[in-house]
Amino acid sequence: MSRAFCSVTRTRDELSIVCAEQLVPASVKTERGWRCLKLEGPFPFAQTGVLVSFLSPLSQRAIPIFALSTFDTDYVLIKEANEPSALQALAEAGHELTR
């Protein structure tokens, strides 16, 4: 992506900020080592199964994910250590991967 990915979500119970690791102060509770995969959209709201078709191959290989959605696009974060097997699983499932 040409610009840094950032997502802010606030609920009654919490505030979650997803951003580049280097922007997070050392004193802040965080989990590092994620890679962001972008599902190219936009996807019509009436279209079903887009995210599940992407997540199923990862789930079958027991690869944990963190998913975020915007109006036009879905993002799936995977741990760095799982990136090679995740990309292989997605390619084998027929997903076109670009960098």
C-alpha atoms as a PDB file:
ATOM      1  CA  MET A   1       0.000   0.000   0.000  1.00  0.00           C
ATOM      2  CA  SER A   2       1.248   3.479  -0.759  1.00  0.00           C
ATOM      3  CA  ARG A   3       0.026   4.876   2.579  1.00  0.00           C
ATOM      4  CA  ALA A   4       0.277   3.387   6.034  1.00  0.00           C
ATOM      5  CA  PHE A   5      -2.656   1.246   7.153  1.00  0.00           C
ATOM      6  CA  CYS A   6      -4.442   2.480  10.255  1.00  0.00           C
ATOM      7  CA  SER A   7      -7.762   1.502  11.831  1.00  0.00           C
ATOM      8  CA  VAL A   8      -9.401   2.934  14.940  1.00  0.00           C
ATOM      9  CA  THR A   9     -12.358   1.153  16.550  1.00  0.00           C
ATOM     10  CA  ARG A  10     -14.071   2.326  19.703  1.00  0.00           C
ATOM     11  CA  THR A  11     -16.755   0.415  21.562  1.00  0.00           C
ATOM     12  CA  ARG A  12     -18.237   1.000  24.968  1.00  0.00           C
ATOM     13  CA  ASP A  13     -15.671  -1.418  26.394  1.00  0.00           C
ATOM     14  CA  GLU A  14     -12.467  -0.703  24.507  1.00  0.00           C
ATOM     15  CA  LEU A  15     -10.420   1.283  22.046  1.00  0.00           C
ATOM     16  CA  SER A  16      -8.434  -0.656  19.433  1.00  0.00           C
ATOM     17  CA  ILE A  17      -5.901   0.984  17.171  1.00  0.00           C
ATOM     18  CA  VAL A  18      -4.227  -0.976  14.398  1.00  0.00           C
ATOM     19  CA  CYS A  19      -1.228   0.760  12.870  1.00  0.00           C
ATOM     20  CA  ALA A  20       2.399   0.275  11.889  1.00  0.00           C
ATOM     21  CA  GLU A  21       4.440  -1.191  14.745  1.00  0.00           C
ATOM     22  CA  GLN A  22       7.019   1.563  14.674  1.00  0.00           C
ATOM     23  CA  LEU A  23       4.293   4.088  15.576  1.00  0.00           C
ATOM     24  CA  VAL A  24       3.384   2.331  18.842  1.00  0.00           C
ATOM     25  CA  PRO A  25       5.194   3.560  21.971  1.00  0.00           C
ATOM     26  CA  ALA A  26       6.989   0.825  23.923  1.00  0.00           C
ATOM     27  CA  SER A  27       4.818   1.505  26.986  1.00  0.00           C
ATOM     28  CA  VAL A  28       1.535   0.719  25.172  1.00  0.00           C
ATOM     29  CA  LYS A  29      -0.045  -2.755  25.428  1.00  0.00           C
ATOM     30  CA  THR A  30       0.316  -4.217  21.957  1.00  0.00           C
ATOM     31  CA  GLU A  31       0.775  -7.385  19.972  1.00  0.00           C
ATOM     32  CA  ARG A  32       3.452  -7.086  17.347  1.00  0.00           C
ATOM     33  CA  GLY A  33       4.445  -9.146  14.328  1.00  0.00           C
ATOM     34  CA  TRP A  34       1.371  -8.915  12.095  1.00  0.00           C
ATOM     35  CA  ARG A  35       1.206  -8.752   8.292  1.00  0.00           C
ATOM     36  CA  CYS A  36      -1.744  -7.112   6.535  1.00  0.00           C
ATOM     37  CA  LEU A  37      -3.395  -8.744   3.526  1.00  0.00           C
ATOM     38  CA  LYS A  38      -5.829  -6.642   1.494  1.00  0.00           C
ATOM     39  CA  LEU A  39      -8.773  -8.190  -0.337  1.00  0.00           C
ATOM     40  CA  GLU A  40      -9.218  -5.985  -3.392  1.00  0.00           C
ATOM     41  CA  GLY A  41     -12.684  -4.465  -3.437  1.00  0.00           C
ATOM     42  CA  PRO A  42     -15.082  -2.911  -3.541  1.00  0.00           C
ATOM     43  CA  PHE A  43     -17.443  -5.790  -2.920  1.00  0.00           C
ATOM     44  CA  PRO A  44     -21.191  -5.211  -3.220  1.00  0.00           C
ATOM     45  CA  PHE A  45     -22.915  -5.499   0.152  1.00  0.00           C
ATOM     46  CA  ALA A  46     -25.290  -8.081  -1.326  1.00  0.00           C
ATOM     47  CA  GLN A  47     -22.368 -10.336  -2.287  1.00  0.00           C
ATOM     48  CA  THR A  48     -21.917 -13.064   0.298  1.00  0.00           C
ATOM     49  CA  GLY A  49     -19.029 -15.381   1.067  1.00  0.00           C
ATOM     50  CA  VAL A  50     -16.127 -13.149   0.041  1.00  0.00           C
ATOM     51  CA  LEU A  51     -14.424 -13.060   3.417  1.00  0.00           C
ATOM     52  CA  VAL A  52     -15.236 -16.678   4.283  1.00  0.00           C
ATOM     53  CA  SER A  53     -13.696 -17.872   0.989  1.00  0.00           C
ATOM     54  CA  PHE A  54     -10.491 -16.156   2.055  1.00  0.00           C
ATOM     55  CA  LEU A  55     -10.578 -17.268   5.683  1.00  0.00           C
ATOM     56  CA  SER A  56     -11.498 -20.930   5.147  1.00  0.00           C
ATOM     57  CA  PRO A  57      -8.104 -22.001   3.726  1.00  0.00           C
ATOM     58  CA  LEU A  58      -6.402 -20.240   6.642  1.00  0.00           C
ATOM     59  CA  SER A  59      -8.695 -21.860   9.171  1.00  0.00           C
ATOM     60  CA  GLN A  60      -8.077 -25.305   7.668  1.00  0.00           C
ATOM     61  CA  ARG A  61      -4.367 -24.810   8.370  1.00  0.00           C
ATOM     62  CA  ALA A  62      -5.030 -23.443  11.880  1.00  0.00           C
ATOM     63  CA  ILE A  63      -3.663 -20.003  10.974  1.00  0.00           C
ATOM     64  CA  PRO A  64      -5.028 -17.364  13.362  1.00  0.00           C
ATOM     65  CA  ILE A  65      -6.312 -14.142  11.811  1.00  0.00           C
ATOM     66  CA  PHE A  66      -7.533 -10.688  12.764  1.00  0.00           C
ATOM     67  CA  ALA A  67     -10.055  -9.344  10.231  1.00  0.00           C
ATOM     68  CA  LEU A  68     -11.071  -5.733   9.630  1.00  0.00           C
ATOM     69  CA  SER A  69     -13.546  -4.367   7.130  1.00  0.00           C
ATOM     70  CA  THR A  70     -14.089  -0.922   5.693  1.00  0.00           C
ATOM     71  CA  PHE A  71     -16.842   0.300   3.401  1.00  0.00           C
ATOM     72  CA  ASP A  72     -15.066  -0.966   0.259  1.00  0.00           C
ATOM     73  CA  THR A  73     -12.409  -3.394   1.396  1.00  0.00           C
ATOM     74  CA  ASP A  74     -11.624  -6.264   3.756  1.00  0.00           C
ATOM     75  CA  TYR A  75      -8.253  -6.698   5.447  1.00  0.00           C
ATOM     76  CA  VAL A  76      -6.913  -9.823   7.101  1.00  0.00           C
ATOM     77  CA  LEU A  77      -3.960  -9.657   9.451  1.00  0.00           C
ATOM     78  CA  ILE A  78      -1.845 -12.751   9.997  1.00  0.00           C
ATOM     79  CA  LYS A  79       1.187 -13.281  12.193  1.00  0.00           C
ATOM     80  CA  GLU A  80       4.556 -12.882  10.477  1.00  0.00           C
ATOM     81  CA  ALA A  81       5.547 -16.446  11.320  1.00  0.00           C
ATOM     82  CA  ASN A  82       2.463 -17.776   9.499  1.00  0.00           C
ATOM     83  CA  GLU A  83       2.906 -15.708   6.337  1.00  0.00           C
ATOM     84  CA  PRO A  84       4.558 -18.382   4.142  1.00  0.00           C
ATOM     85  CA  SER A  85       1.992 -21.087   4.945  1.00  0.00           C
ATOM     86  CA  ALA A  86      -0.883 -18.582   4.733  1.00  0.00           C
ATOM     87  CA  LEU A  87       0.148 -17.397   1.273  1.00  0.00           C
ATOM     88  CA  GLN A  88       0.576 -20.999   0.128  1.00  0.00           C
ATOM     89  CA  ALA A  89      -2.884 -21.947   1.442  1.00  0.00           C
ATOM     90  CA  LEU A  90      -4.495 -18.955  -0.272  1.00  0.00           C
ATOM     91  CA  ALA A  91      -2.741 -19.655  -3.594  1.00  0.00           C
ATOM     92  CA  GLU A  92      -3.773 -23.320  -3.457  1.00  0.00           C
ATOM     93  CA  ALA A  93      -7.363 -22.198  -2.834  1.00  0.00           C
ATOM     94  CA  GLY A  94      -7.256 -20.167  -6.060  1.00  0.00           C
ATOM     95  CA  HIS A  95      -6.748 -16.667  -4.694  1.00  0.00           C
ATOM     96  CA  GLU A  96      -4.651 -14.402  -6.892  1.00  0.00           C
ATOM     97  CA  LEU A  97      -1.864 -12.920  -4.788  1.00  0.00           C
ATOM     98  CA  THR A  98      -0.086  -9.688  -5.673  1.00  0.00           C
ATOM     99  CA  ARG A  99       2.396  -7.613  -3.727  1.00  0.00           C
END
